[in-house]
Amino acid sequence: MDNKSEAQRDFDRARNLAVWQTALGTLQGKNYDLVDYNEVRKRLSKTVNQLPVLKDIPISAIVGTVSRNADFTRTFLPKMEHDKTRWVNVRLANESMTGVPPIDVYQIGDVYFVLDGHHRVSIMKSYGAEYISAYVRVINPDVPLKPDDSPDEIILKTEKETFLAKTEIEKIIPDANLELKLPGEYLELLEHIETHRYFMGLDLKRDITNEESVLSWYENVYMPVIQVIRNLKIMDEFPEKTETELYLWIENNKAALADEYGGNVRDSALAWKLDAEYGRSKRNLIYQIKKNFMMLFSPNLSDWGIKTGDWRREIMQAGDNLSIERIMISVRDLDLNMDYLKSALRFAKNFDAWVGIVHVVNRSESVESDKVKESQQQVEELMQKENTHGKLFLLSGNLLRNLSERAFWSDISLFRMKYRPNPEGIKSIDSGWNSIFMRVPGPIFVTPDTFPERIDQVVLPFSQSSKSREAMYYATGLVKSTGSKLSVVIADTPEMDSTTALAEAKTFFSNHKLQVEFIVSHEEPVSAILKTAEEVQADLIVMGGYSRSFVQRFFKGSTVEKLLKVSNFPILVCK
């Protein structure tokens, strides 16, 4: 067999191997392509300008190409049949007396990218050679690229080097650990810092230094999100992710949801959503069964998995300030509930809150019907007249699911009682209010008619349950933000020692520097609450939600539902 025939046979063998390698990579999810030099080069923050140096380089360290990505595999096996003649001729020239010239490569870190000489590299690989002569131009020696890095790892390391060089965060904040795993994420993180720097400049009306912007972004944007992730132990559900990857998910989704749900969406809400939809254990059927079972026996767990106190801690982070930025208003009938809606919009003005008005049509009705469109126009005119920021959501499908989803992104939800609950036995458990309190997250504000435009007098029942303690926090924030007066009523019943309850309440409000009227009643709780509300002419009753489990409520009922059955006062139910 002559040399040409042997070279042709070797090309065919190499090309067949390339086909198999590509197919294997597809099955294994591995990338056997050469790395594109241009993709790496454009991500570098700095380059050096050195003259080419002739030296022998390890063939195994050649990982990429300037222009021939589609022609060779990562191991320089030829992929194109039309390349056969060129490959064979270079092979014959290499074996001739004259030989072939050195190849030309760019060096970044410890790896090389071929500018000229792809066929020469392929042929030397077919011989089993370990080194090849090359003119080497160093582009950047500092990026920690290694020959066995995958294409994604090479891009990622290059982007990380650029991120570190531009931000100097390792020097500014030595303890910062911003680890990312996917190409594009470091550039995205860099964009977050640069955007923060831009808005800092607008706010302060001056140029912002790199160190100022990096420190401010890290302390005021990044770490608050990371603290939420740590407090909720979200990392337990995503062991394959880093904290910074979850930060990017939360921040990116926050921007996307801002218009839909109003203003700055809470970090914890996004973290809960991330955990609920993508968390490792949350996708497990056994977890869902266990959660539903636990809800039968615990009053401190909701359908979303949010425990007592979680919601309040998020919207009352700074001392006693009650931060209500988004309010959901449920409207069952847009025509009949206009007075209720007007009162709800005026209540929202107390907090300058963004409102999401939710109307869910039934299956036989369409959101595009003339009747619904006419009602929509009336609502939009009312919002404009009341100078309210917000949006009307016309939705179809399951009522409770829609309300639950919208309430999840709100700080508080407003409802009108279309019907009174029946707090007796199985009828209570089967009631719509039971489902609302268990499935709709966050505090729920219920009125039999309309909401007060102003809040001047608040009544707070206190029973030493975990839910009534939550109500104490809400009442404190409400009173301080509205300047209203507060009356605390304690029912002296066989189930509770009114002396210890009174002492706890007095200590709490003394610590929070509030002047409060305390009333101890020997009547049963519902009568005591209503009598106090009537005597002080209350605008609002703030009370804890279910303090008994599903099973306990079946036998003993619920004070919340007993009060809702007969009260003519608006009631804020805290969970």
Protein backbone atom coordinates (compact mmCIF):
# COMPACT_ATOMS: atom_id res chain seq x y z
CA MET A 1 0.00 0.00 0.00
CA ASP A 2 1.48 3.37 -1.04
CA ASN A 3 1.70 6.34 1.32
CA LYS A 4 -1.29 8.13 -0.22
CA SER A 5 -3.58 5.13 0.10
CA GLU A 6 -2.49 4.65 3.72
CA ALA A 7 -3.15 8.33 4.46
CA GLN A 8 -6.63 8.07 2.89
CA ARG A 9 -7.36 4.98 4.99
CA ASP A 10 -6.21 6.77 8.16
CA PHE A 11 -8.45 9.75 7.34
CA ASP A 12 -11.46 7.47 6.90
CA ARG A 13 -10.71 5.79 10.22
CA ALA A 14 -10.29 9.15 11.98
CA ARG A 15 -13.50 10.53 10.47
CA ASN A 16 -15.48 7.44 11.56
CA LEU A 17 -14.13 7.92 15.07
CA ALA A 18 -15.27 11.54 14.93
CA VAL A 19 -18.81 10.41 14.03
CA TRP A 20 -18.88 7.96 16.92
CA GLN A 21 -17.40 10.51 19.34
CA THR A 22 -20.05 13.08 18.40
CA ALA A 23 -22.85 10.52 18.80
CA LEU A 24 -21.47 9.38 22.16
CA GLY A 25 -21.27 12.99 23.33
CA THR A 26 -24.94 13.49 22.44
CA LEU A 27 -25.94 10.43 24.47
CA GLN A 28 -23.75 11.38 27.43
CA GLY A 29 -24.59 15.06 27.35
CA LYS A 30 -20.92 15.94 26.77
CA ASN A 31 -19.55 18.52 24.37
CA TYR A 32 -16.71 17.21 22.15
CA ASP A 33 -16.49 20.39 20.06
CA LEU A 34 -13.43 22.61 19.90
CA VAL A 35 -13.73 25.72 22.04
CA ASP A 36 -14.36 28.90 20.06
CA TYR A 37 -11.46 31.28 20.71
CA ASN A 38 -13.58 34.30 19.83
CA GLU A 39 -16.13 33.42 22.51
CA VAL A 40 -13.34 33.25 25.09
CA ARG A 41 -11.46 36.31 23.82
CA LYS A 42 -14.45 38.66 23.98
CA ARG A 43 -14.97 37.76 27.64
CA LEU A 44 -11.43 38.72 28.69
CA SER A 45 -11.12 41.94 30.65
CA LYS A 46 -7.46 42.36 29.80
CA THR A 47 -4.90 41.07 27.28
CA VAL A 48 -1.14 41.31 26.86
CA ASN A 49 0.66 42.20 23.64
CA GLN A 50 3.63 39.85 23.27
CA LEU A 51 5.53 38.82 20.17
CA PRO A 52 5.15 35.19 19.03
CA VAL A 53 7.62 32.72 20.54
CA LEU A 54 8.57 29.45 18.81
CA LYS A 55 8.44 26.45 21.12
CA ASP A 56 7.12 22.92 21.46
CA ILE A 57 3.72 22.75 23.14
CA PRO A 58 1.75 19.73 24.45
CA ILE A 59 -0.87 18.67 21.93
CA SER A 60 -3.22 17.72 24.77
CA ALA A 61 -3.30 21.41 25.81
CA ILE A 62 -4.71 22.50 22.42
CA VAL A 63 -8.42 22.85 23.15
CA GLY A 64 -9.79 25.36 20.69
CA THR A 65 -9.73 27.11 17.38
CA VAL A 66 -10.04 30.58 15.95
CA SER A 67 -12.17 29.63 12.95
CA ARG A 68 -12.61 25.87 12.42
CA ASN A 69 -15.15 24.86 15.11
CA ALA A 70 -17.24 22.74 12.76
CA ASP A 71 -14.33 20.91 11.07
CA PHE A 72 -12.71 19.00 13.96
CA THR A 73 -13.67 17.42 17.27
CA ARG A 74 -12.07 18.41 20.60
CA THR A 75 -9.48 15.65 19.95
CA PHE A 76 -8.86 16.99 16.41
CA LEU A 77 -10.57 14.14 14.58
CA PRO A 78 -11.70 15.38 11.13
CA LYS A 79 -15.50 15.72 10.81
CA MET A 80 -15.97 16.75 7.17
CA GLU A 81 -15.68 14.33 4.21
CA HIS A 82 -14.77 17.17 1.85
CA ASP A 83 -11.67 17.81 3.98
CA LYS A 84 -10.15 14.46 2.94
CA THR A 85 -7.92 15.73 0.12
CA ARG A 86 -6.48 18.56 2.24
CA TRP A 87 -5.88 16.22 5.18
CA VAL A 88 -4.11 13.63 3.00
CA ASN A 89 -1.90 16.23 1.27
CA VAL A 90 -0.78 17.71 4.60
CA ARG A 91 -0.07 14.19 5.87
CA LEU A 92 2.12 13.47 2.81
CA ALA A 93 3.90 16.83 3.14
CA ASN A 94 4.58 16.14 6.79
CA GLU A 95 6.28 12.86 5.83
CA SER A 96 8.32 14.44 3.02
CA MET A 97 11.85 15.75 3.24
CA THR A 98 10.67 19.37 3.43
CA GLY A 99 8.15 18.75 6.21
CA VAL A 100 5.60 21.35 7.35
CA PRO A 101 6.03 24.68 9.15
CA PRO A 102 5.15 25.20 12.84
CA ILE A 103 1.52 25.93 13.64
CA ASP A 104 0.28 29.31 14.98
CA VAL A 105 -1.61 29.40 18.29
CA TYR A 106 -2.95 31.81 20.89
CA GLN A 107 -2.36 31.01 24.57
CA ILE A 108 -4.79 31.81 27.38
CA GLY A 109 -3.84 30.36 30.75
CA ASP A 110 -2.43 26.90 30.14
CA VAL A 111 -4.39 26.14 26.97
CA TYR A 112 -3.96 26.92 23.27
CA PHE A 113 -6.23 27.91 20.39
CA VAL A 114 -5.17 27.16 16.81
CA LEU A 115 -4.99 30.09 14.41
CA ASP A 116 -3.30 28.18 11.59
CA GLY A 117 -2.36 24.48 11.40
CA HIS A 118 -5.51 22.49 12.29
CA HIS A 119 -4.67 19.67 9.86
CA ARG A 120 -1.10 19.49 11.18
CA VAL A 121 -2.43 19.06 14.73
CA SER A 122 -4.89 16.38 13.56
CA ILE A 123 -2.16 14.45 11.80
CA MET A 124 0.27 14.65 14.72
CA LYS A 125 -2.54 13.35 16.95
CA SER A 126 -3.03 10.42 14.56
CA TYR A 127 0.67 9.55 15.03
CA GLY A 128 0.26 9.59 18.80
CA ALA A 129 2.69 12.51 19.14
CA GLU A 130 2.67 14.39 22.43
CA TYR A 131 4.20 17.70 21.30
CA ILE A 132 4.09 19.95 18.26
CA SER A 133 6.18 22.95 17.21
CA ALA A 134 4.21 26.21 17.38
CA TYR A 135 4.49 29.99 17.23
CA VAL A 136 2.82 30.98 20.48
CA ARG A 137 1.28 34.40 21.12
CA VAL A 138 0.29 34.85 24.79
CA ILE A 139 -3.06 36.62 25.14
CA ASN A 140 -3.64 36.32 28.89
CA PRO A 141 -1.56 34.02 31.12
CA ASP A 142 -3.60 34.62 34.30
CA VAL A 143 -6.91 32.93 33.50
CA PRO A 144 -6.75 29.50 35.23
CA LEU A 145 -7.70 27.40 32.18
CA LYS A 146 -6.63 23.75 32.11
CA PRO A 147 -6.45 21.30 29.19
CA ASP A 148 -9.12 18.99 30.65
CA ASP A 149 -11.65 21.82 31.16
CA SER A 150 -14.90 21.43 29.24
CA PRO A 151 -15.95 24.21 26.84
CA ASP A 152 -18.41 25.50 29.43
CA GLU A 153 -15.74 25.46 32.15
CA ILE A 154 -13.37 27.43 29.92
CA ILE A 155 -16.02 30.09 29.24
CA LEU A 156 -16.99 30.15 32.92
CA LYS A 157 -13.42 30.58 34.16
CA THR A 158 -12.79 33.32 31.62
CA GLU A 159 -15.92 35.17 32.71
CA LYS A 160 -14.99 34.77 36.37
CA GLU A 161 -11.54 36.23 35.75
CA THR A 162 -13.15 39.19 33.99
CA PHE A 163 -15.65 39.63 36.84
CA LEU A 164 -12.90 39.60 39.47
CA ALA A 165 -10.70 41.97 37.47
CA LYS A 166 -13.46 44.51 36.84
CA THR A 167 -14.99 44.48 40.33
CA GLU A 168 -11.81 43.83 42.39
CA ILE A 169 -14.21 42.26 44.87
CA GLU A 170 -11.57 39.91 46.28
CA LYS A 171 -9.61 42.97 47.41
CA ILE A 172 -12.63 45.03 48.50
CA ILE A 173 -14.50 42.20 50.29
CA PRO A 174 -12.04 39.34 50.93
CA ASP A 175 -14.71 37.16 52.58
CA ALA A 176 -17.11 37.36 49.63
CA ASN A 177 -17.74 33.94 48.07
CA LEU A 178 -19.56 34.50 44.79
CA GLU A 179 -19.42 31.10 43.13
CA LEU A 180 -21.32 30.41 39.90
CA LYS A 181 -21.39 27.33 37.69
CA LEU A 182 -22.85 28.28 34.32
CA PRO A 183 -21.48 30.39 31.45
CA GLY A 184 -23.04 33.82 31.33
CA GLU A 185 -23.78 34.04 35.06
CA TYR A 186 -20.68 36.06 36.03
CA LEU A 187 -21.40 38.58 33.27
CA GLU A 188 -24.98 38.78 34.55
CA LEU A 189 -23.73 39.37 38.09
CA LEU A 190 -21.40 42.08 36.79
CA GLU A 191 -24.37 43.73 35.11
CA HIS A 192 -26.23 43.76 38.46
CA ILE A 193 -23.35 45.68 40.06
CA GLU A 194 -23.00 48.10 37.15
CA THR A 195 -26.75 48.78 37.19
CA HIS A 196 -26.58 49.40 40.95
CA ARG A 197 -23.69 51.80 40.35
CA TYR A 198 -25.70 53.70 37.73
CA PHE A 199 -28.69 54.23 40.03
CA MET A 200 -26.40 55.16 42.93
CA GLY A 201 -25.00 57.91 40.72
CA LEU A 202 -28.50 59.17 39.95
CA ASP A 203 -29.49 59.16 43.63
CA LEU A 204 -26.30 60.83 44.91
CA LYS A 205 -25.83 63.06 41.83
CA ARG A 206 -22.12 62.27 41.46
CA ASP A 207 -19.74 59.72 40.01
CA ILE A 208 -19.55 56.50 42.02
CA THR A 209 -16.24 54.70 42.44
CA ASN A 210 -15.95 51.01 41.78
CA GLU A 211 -15.28 50.29 45.46
CA GLU A 212 -18.36 52.26 46.56
CA SER A 213 -20.65 50.47 44.12
CA VAL A 214 -19.32 47.00 44.93
CA LEU A 215 -19.63 47.53 48.69
CA SER A 216 -23.09 49.04 48.42
CA TRP A 217 -24.37 46.29 46.10
CA TYR A 218 -22.93 43.55 48.32
CA GLU A 219 -24.30 44.95 51.58
CA ASN A 220 -27.66 46.36 50.42
CA VAL A 221 -28.68 44.10 47.54
CA TYR A 222 -26.81 40.81 47.61
CA MET A 223 -26.53 39.98 51.32
CA PRO A 224 -30.20 40.68 52.22
CA VAL A 225 -31.23 38.06 49.64
CA ILE A 226 -28.56 35.64 50.86
CA GLN A 227 -29.77 36.15 54.45
CA VAL A 228 -33.30 35.15 53.40
CA ILE A 229 -31.90 32.05 51.67
CA ARG A 230 -29.99 31.12 54.82
CA ASN A 231 -32.85 31.89 57.24
CA LEU A 232 -35.26 29.70 55.25
CA LYS A 233 -32.56 27.01 54.75
CA ILE A 234 -33.28 26.98 51.02
CA MET A 235 -29.83 25.55 50.24
CA ASP A 236 -30.92 22.24 51.79
CA GLU A 237 -33.27 21.84 48.82
CA PHE A 238 -30.63 22.74 46.21
CA PRO A 239 -27.37 20.99 47.18
CA GLU A 240 -26.11 21.20 43.58
CA LYS A 241 -26.51 24.99 43.48
CA THR A 242 -24.57 27.84 45.07
CA GLU A 243 -26.00 30.71 47.09
CA THR A 244 -25.09 33.14 44.34
CA GLU A 245 -26.97 31.07 41.75
CA LEU A 246 -30.09 31.24 43.91
CA TYR A 247 -29.54 34.98 44.36
CA LEU A 248 -29.58 35.39 40.55
CA TRP A 249 -32.77 33.32 40.28
CA ILE A 250 -34.53 35.41 42.90
CA GLU A 251 -33.38 38.78 41.52
CA ASN A 252 -34.21 37.89 37.91
CA ASN A 253 -37.67 36.63 38.81
CA LYS A 254 -38.25 39.65 41.02
CA ALA A 255 -37.80 41.94 38.04
CA ALA A 256 -40.08 39.81 35.89
CA LEU A 257 -42.84 39.73 38.53
CA ALA A 258 -42.69 43.39 39.58
CA ASP A 259 -45.19 44.60 36.99
CA GLU A 260 -47.51 41.64 37.46
CA TYR A 261 -47.68 41.76 41.25
CA GLY A 262 -46.75 45.33 42.07
CA GLY A 263 -43.57 47.06 43.08
CA ASN A 264 -40.73 45.31 44.85
CA VAL A 265 -41.72 41.67 45.30
CA ARG A 266 -40.59 40.34 48.68
CA ASP A 267 -37.39 38.28 48.71
CA SER A 268 -38.89 35.70 51.04
CA ALA A 269 -41.92 35.23 48.78
CA LEU A 270 -39.59 34.47 45.88
CA ALA A 271 -37.52 32.15 48.05
CA TRP A 272 -40.66 30.29 49.18
CA LYS A 273 -41.79 30.05 45.55
CA LEU A 274 -38.39 28.74 44.47
CA ASP A 275 -38.44 26.22 47.30
CA ALA A 276 -42.03 25.10 46.65
CA GLU A 277 -41.69 24.66 42.88
CA TYR A 278 -38.11 23.43 42.47
CA GLY A 279 -36.95 22.21 45.87
CA ARG A 280 -35.69 18.63 45.87
CA SER A 281 -37.94 17.33 48.64
CA LYS A 282 -40.93 19.48 47.64
CA ARG A 283 -41.21 17.59 44.33
CA ASN A 284 -41.50 14.36 46.28
CA LEU A 285 -45.00 12.84 46.63
CA ILE A 286 -44.09 11.60 50.11
CA TYR A 287 -43.40 15.19 51.18
CA GLN A 288 -46.80 16.33 49.95
CA ILE A 289 -48.53 13.50 51.82
CA LYS A 290 -46.53 14.27 54.97
CA LYS A 291 -47.34 18.00 54.75
CA ASN A 292 -51.07 17.37 54.34
CA PHE A 293 -50.96 14.96 57.28
CA MET A 294 -49.14 17.51 59.45
CA MET A 295 -51.73 20.15 58.59
CA LEU A 296 -54.39 17.96 60.22
CA PHE A 297 -52.63 18.16 63.57
CA SER A 298 -50.81 21.52 63.56
CA PRO A 299 -52.36 24.99 63.44
CA ASN A 300 -48.97 26.51 62.61
CA LEU A 301 -48.53 25.25 59.05
CA SER A 302 -50.32 26.54 55.95
CA ASP A 303 -50.85 25.03 52.53
CA TRP A 304 -47.77 26.87 51.21
CA GLY A 305 -45.61 25.43 53.96
CA ILE A 306 -45.30 28.86 55.59
CA LYS A 307 -45.09 28.61 59.35
CA THR A 308 -46.54 30.94 61.98
CA GLY A 309 -44.51 34.15 62.14
CA ASP A 310 -42.74 33.80 58.79
CA TRP A 311 -44.95 36.29 56.99
CA ARG A 312 -44.95 38.86 59.77
CA ARG A 313 -41.16 38.78 60.15
CA GLU A 314 -40.80 39.58 56.47
CA ILE A 315 -43.03 42.66 56.39
CA MET A 316 -42.01 43.93 59.85
CA GLN A 317 -38.23 43.66 59.55
CA ALA A 318 -37.37 47.12 60.83
CA GLY A 319 -38.65 47.23 64.40
CA ASP A 320 -42.40 47.78 64.67
CA ASN A 321 -42.85 49.36 61.24
CA LEU A 322 -45.68 47.61 59.39
CA SER A 323 -44.64 47.65 55.74
CA ILE A 324 -47.74 46.98 53.64
CA GLU A 325 -46.71 47.65 50.05
CA ARG A 326 -49.06 45.32 48.14
CA ILE A 327 -52.69 44.56 48.91
CA MET A 328 -54.86 41.95 47.22
CA ILE A 329 -58.56 42.82 47.03
CA SER A 330 -60.88 39.92 46.25
CA VAL A 331 -64.06 41.00 44.44
CA ARG A 332 -66.72 38.34 43.81
CA ASP A 333 -69.17 40.61 41.93
CA LEU A 334 -67.86 43.73 40.20
CA ASP A 335 -71.34 45.24 39.85
CA LEU A 336 -72.69 44.62 43.35
CA ASN A 337 -69.45 45.21 45.27
CA MET A 338 -68.51 48.73 44.12
CA ASP A 339 -69.01 50.31 47.57
CA TYR A 340 -66.90 47.56 49.14
CA LEU A 341 -64.21 48.07 46.47
CA LYS A 342 -64.19 51.83 46.96
CA SER A 343 -63.71 51.37 50.72
CA ALA A 344 -60.89 48.88 50.11
CA LEU A 345 -59.08 51.32 47.81
CA ARG A 346 -59.40 54.07 50.39
CA PHE A 347 -58.11 51.74 53.12
CA ALA A 348 -55.06 51.00 50.93
CA LYS A 349 -54.27 54.72 50.87
CA ASN A 350 -53.37 54.50 54.56
CA PHE A 351 -50.24 52.66 53.44
CA ASP A 352 -49.79 54.10 49.94
CA ALA A 353 -49.99 50.47 48.81
CA TRP A 354 -50.16 49.00 45.31
CA VAL A 355 -53.42 47.07 44.93
CA GLY A 356 -54.19 43.99 42.91
CA ILE A 357 -57.96 43.65 42.42
CA VAL A 358 -58.78 40.01 41.69
CA HIS A 359 -62.03 38.95 40.04
CA VAL A 360 -62.37 35.30 39.08
CA VAL A 361 -65.13 34.48 36.57
CA ASN A 362 -66.99 31.20 36.69
CA ARG A 363 -66.70 28.50 34.03
CA SER A 364 -69.75 29.63 32.05
CA GLU A 365 -68.59 33.26 31.93
CA SER A 366 -65.77 34.67 29.84
CA VAL A 367 -63.26 37.34 30.80
CA GLU A 368 -63.86 38.71 27.29
CA SER A 369 -67.65 39.07 27.68
CA ASP A 370 -69.25 42.48 27.22
CA LYS A 371 -70.55 42.41 30.81
CA VAL A 372 -67.10 41.78 32.25
CA LYS A 373 -65.50 44.42 30.01
CA GLU A 374 -68.06 46.99 31.12
CA SER A 375 -67.36 46.19 34.77
CA GLN A 376 -63.64 46.38 34.07
CA GLN A 377 -64.02 49.88 32.72
CA GLN A 378 -65.96 50.92 35.83
CA VAL A 379 -63.24 49.55 38.10
CA GLU A 380 -60.46 51.27 36.15
CA GLU A 381 -62.35 54.57 36.29
CA LEU A 382 -62.80 54.12 40.06
CA MET A 383 -59.07 53.43 40.53
CA GLN A 384 -58.23 56.55 38.54
CA LYS A 385 -60.71 58.63 40.52
CA GLU A 386 -59.31 57.36 43.83
CA ASN A 387 -55.76 57.93 42.53
CA THR A 388 -54.82 54.35 43.34
CA HIS A 389 -51.81 52.52 41.92
CA GLY A 390 -52.59 48.97 40.94
CA LYS A 391 -54.14 46.60 38.47
CA LEU A 392 -57.36 44.69 37.90
CA PHE A 393 -56.86 40.97 37.27
CA LEU A 394 -59.67 39.23 35.41
CA LEU A 395 -59.01 35.53 35.87
CA SER A 396 -60.77 32.27 35.11
CA GLY A 397 -60.53 28.84 36.63
CA ASN A 398 -60.44 27.65 40.21
CA LEU A 399 -61.37 30.50 42.57
CA LEU A 400 -59.30 29.44 45.57
CA ARG A 401 -56.22 28.59 43.53
CA ASN A 402 -56.29 31.98 41.80
CA LEU A 403 -56.77 33.85 45.08
CA SER A 404 -54.04 31.85 46.77
CA GLU A 405 -51.54 32.56 43.99
CA ARG A 406 -52.24 36.31 43.94
CA ALA A 407 -52.27 36.61 47.73
CA PHE A 408 -48.89 34.91 47.87
CA TRP A 409 -47.26 37.99 46.34
CA SER A 410 -49.25 40.45 48.48
CA ASP A 411 -48.67 41.65 52.04
CA ILE A 412 -52.32 41.42 53.07
CA SER A 413 -55.55 40.19 51.43
CA LEU A 414 -58.97 41.85 51.65
CA PHE A 415 -62.24 39.91 51.46
CA ARG A 416 -65.94 40.70 51.80
CA MET A 417 -68.09 38.11 53.54
CA LYS A 418 -70.54 36.89 50.93
CA TYR A 419 -71.78 34.40 53.49
CA ARG A 420 -71.19 33.76 57.19
CA PRO A 421 -69.27 30.68 58.31
CA ASN A 422 -70.96 27.92 60.28
CA PRO A 423 -68.54 27.07 63.10
CA GLU A 424 -70.28 23.84 64.11
CA GLY A 425 -68.53 20.47 63.64
CA ILE A 426 -68.15 19.11 60.13
CA LYS A 427 -69.85 22.17 58.61
CA SER A 428 -66.99 24.34 59.88
CA ILE A 429 -64.32 22.06 58.44
CA ASP A 430 -66.13 21.97 55.10
CA SER A 431 -66.72 25.72 54.93
CA GLY A 432 -65.14 28.01 52.39
CA TRP A 433 -63.58 30.10 55.16
CA ASN A 434 -61.66 27.11 56.46
CA SER A 435 -60.14 26.69 52.99
CA ILE A 436 -59.37 30.39 52.67
CA PHE A 437 -57.58 30.57 56.02
CA MET A 438 -55.56 27.43 55.29
CA ARG A 439 -54.71 28.05 51.63
CA VAL A 440 -54.51 31.82 51.21
CA PRO A 441 -51.16 32.93 52.68
CA GLY A 442 -50.61 36.01 54.80
CA PRO A 443 -53.03 38.02 56.97
CA ILE A 444 -56.65 38.21 55.82
CA PHE A 445 -58.81 41.31 56.34
CA VAL A 446 -62.54 40.43 56.29
CA THR A 447 -65.48 42.82 56.37
CA PRO A 448 -69.23 42.13 56.40
CA ASP A 449 -69.85 45.35 54.48
CA THR A 450 -67.15 47.98 53.84
CA PHE A 451 -63.70 48.80 55.23
CA PRO A 452 -63.02 51.82 57.41
CA GLU A 453 -61.44 54.71 55.55
CA ARG A 454 -59.47 55.56 58.68
CA ILE A 455 -58.44 53.41 61.61
CA ASP A 456 -58.81 55.28 64.89
CA GLN A 457 -59.63 52.47 67.32
CA VAL A 458 -58.35 48.86 67.28
CA VAL A 459 -59.45 45.96 69.48
CA LEU A 460 -57.04 43.08 70.06
CA PRO A 461 -58.19 39.81 71.70
CA PHE A 462 -55.26 38.06 73.41
CA SER A 463 -55.24 34.43 74.53
CA GLN A 464 -51.50 33.60 74.74
CA SER A 465 -51.71 31.36 71.65
CA SER A 466 -48.97 31.66 69.04
CA LYS A 467 -51.50 33.16 66.62
CA SER A 468 -52.71 35.78 69.11
CA ARG A 469 -49.07 36.74 69.69
CA GLU A 470 -48.77 37.30 65.94
CA ALA A 471 -51.83 39.52 66.18
CA MET A 472 -50.06 41.56 68.90
CA TYR A 473 -47.21 42.31 66.50
CA TYR A 474 -49.61 43.31 63.72
CA ALA A 475 -51.69 45.48 66.05
CA THR A 476 -48.53 47.21 67.26
CA GLY A 477 -47.41 48.00 63.73
CA LEU A 478 -50.91 49.09 62.73
CA VAL A 479 -51.33 51.40 65.69
CA LYS A 480 -47.91 52.98 65.21
CA SER A 481 -48.41 53.50 61.49
CA THR A 482 -51.96 54.93 61.75
CA GLY A 483 -51.81 56.70 65.12
CA SER A 484 -54.86 54.79 66.34
CA LYS A 485 -55.74 53.70 69.87
CA LEU A 486 -55.56 50.09 71.04
CA SER A 487 -57.73 48.15 73.49
CA VAL A 488 -56.61 44.65 74.51
CA VAL A 489 -59.37 42.30 75.66
CA ILE A 490 -58.60 39.14 77.63
CA ALA A 491 -61.38 36.65 78.31
CA ASP A 492 -61.02 34.96 81.69
CA THR A 493 -62.01 31.37 80.81
CA PRO A 494 -61.29 27.96 82.37
CA GLU A 495 -58.92 27.27 79.46
CA MET A 496 -56.72 30.29 80.14
CA ASP A 497 -55.19 32.05 83.13
CA SER A 498 -56.12 35.69 82.57
CA THR A 499 -53.52 36.83 85.13
CA THR A 500 -50.54 35.48 83.20
CA ALA A 501 -52.07 36.61 79.89
CA LEU A 502 -52.51 40.16 81.23
CA ALA A 503 -48.96 40.23 82.58
CA GLU A 504 -47.54 39.07 79.25
CA ALA A 505 -49.55 41.63 77.28
CA LYS A 506 -48.54 44.48 79.60
CA THR A 507 -44.87 43.54 79.34
CA PHE A 508 -45.08 43.30 75.55
CA PHE A 509 -46.68 46.71 75.01
CA SER A 510 -44.49 48.34 77.62
CA ASN A 511 -41.42 47.10 75.75
CA HIS A 512 -42.91 48.50 72.54
CA LYS A 513 -43.63 51.84 74.25
CA LEU A 514 -47.37 51.87 73.60
CA GLN A 515 -50.14 53.21 75.85
CA VAL A 516 -52.82 50.51 75.78
CA GLU A 517 -56.19 49.97 77.47
CA PHE A 518 -56.45 46.48 79.01
CA ILE A 519 -59.84 44.85 79.59
CA VAL A 520 -60.30 41.52 81.40
CA SER A 521 -63.75 40.03 80.78
CA HIS A 522 -65.44 37.10 82.48
CA GLU A 523 -67.67 36.50 79.49
CA GLU A 524 -66.93 33.88 76.87
CA PRO A 525 -64.40 35.10 74.20
CA VAL A 526 -66.76 36.08 71.35
CA SER A 527 -69.08 38.05 73.63
CA ALA A 528 -66.12 39.70 75.36
CA ILE A 529 -64.61 40.77 72.03
CA LEU A 530 -67.84 42.15 70.58
CA LYS A 531 -68.81 43.96 73.80
CA THR A 532 -65.40 45.66 73.95
CA ALA A 533 -65.55 46.59 70.24
CA GLU A 534 -68.96 48.19 70.72
CA GLU A 535 -67.94 50.08 73.87
CA VAL A 536 -64.84 51.64 72.30
CA GLN A 537 -66.49 52.03 68.86
CA ALA A 538 -63.79 50.00 67.19
CA ASP A 539 -62.94 50.41 63.51
CA LEU A 540 -61.18 47.08 63.42
CA ILE A 541 -60.63 43.85 65.37
CA VAL A 542 -57.15 42.33 65.00
CA MET A 543 -56.97 38.70 66.10
CA GLY A 544 -54.99 35.54 65.61
CA GLY A 545 -56.02 32.87 63.12
CA TYR A 546 -56.70 29.22 63.88
CA SER A 547 -55.00 28.34 67.16
CA ARG A 548 -56.39 24.80 67.02
CA SER A 549 -55.51 22.11 64.52
CA PHE A 550 -57.91 20.81 61.88
CA VAL A 551 -58.78 17.85 64.12
CA GLN A 552 -59.28 20.01 67.24
CA ARG A 553 -61.54 22.43 65.39
CA PHE A 554 -63.80 19.52 64.41
CA PHE A 555 -64.59 18.90 68.07
CA LYS A 556 -64.21 22.35 69.68
CA GLY A 557 -64.87 24.79 66.85
CA SER A 558 -62.97 28.00 66.18
CA THR A 559 -63.21 31.41 67.86
CA VAL A 560 -62.32 33.02 64.52
CA GLU A 561 -65.30 31.51 62.72
CA LYS A 562 -67.63 32.03 65.70
CA LEU A 563 -66.74 35.72 65.63
CA LEU A 564 -67.08 35.99 61.84
CA LYS A 565 -70.54 34.47 62.09
CA VAL A 566 -71.94 37.35 64.17
CA SER A 567 -69.56 40.34 63.96
CA ASN A 568 -70.46 43.54 62.15
CA PHE A 569 -66.90 44.83 62.65
CA PRO A 570 -64.11 44.32 60.10
CA ILE A 571 -61.68 41.66 61.32
CA LEU A 572 -57.98 41.28 60.49
CA VAL A 573 -56.99 37.62 60.92
CA CYS A 574 -53.25 37.14 61.49
CA LYS A 575 -51.44 33.92 60.75
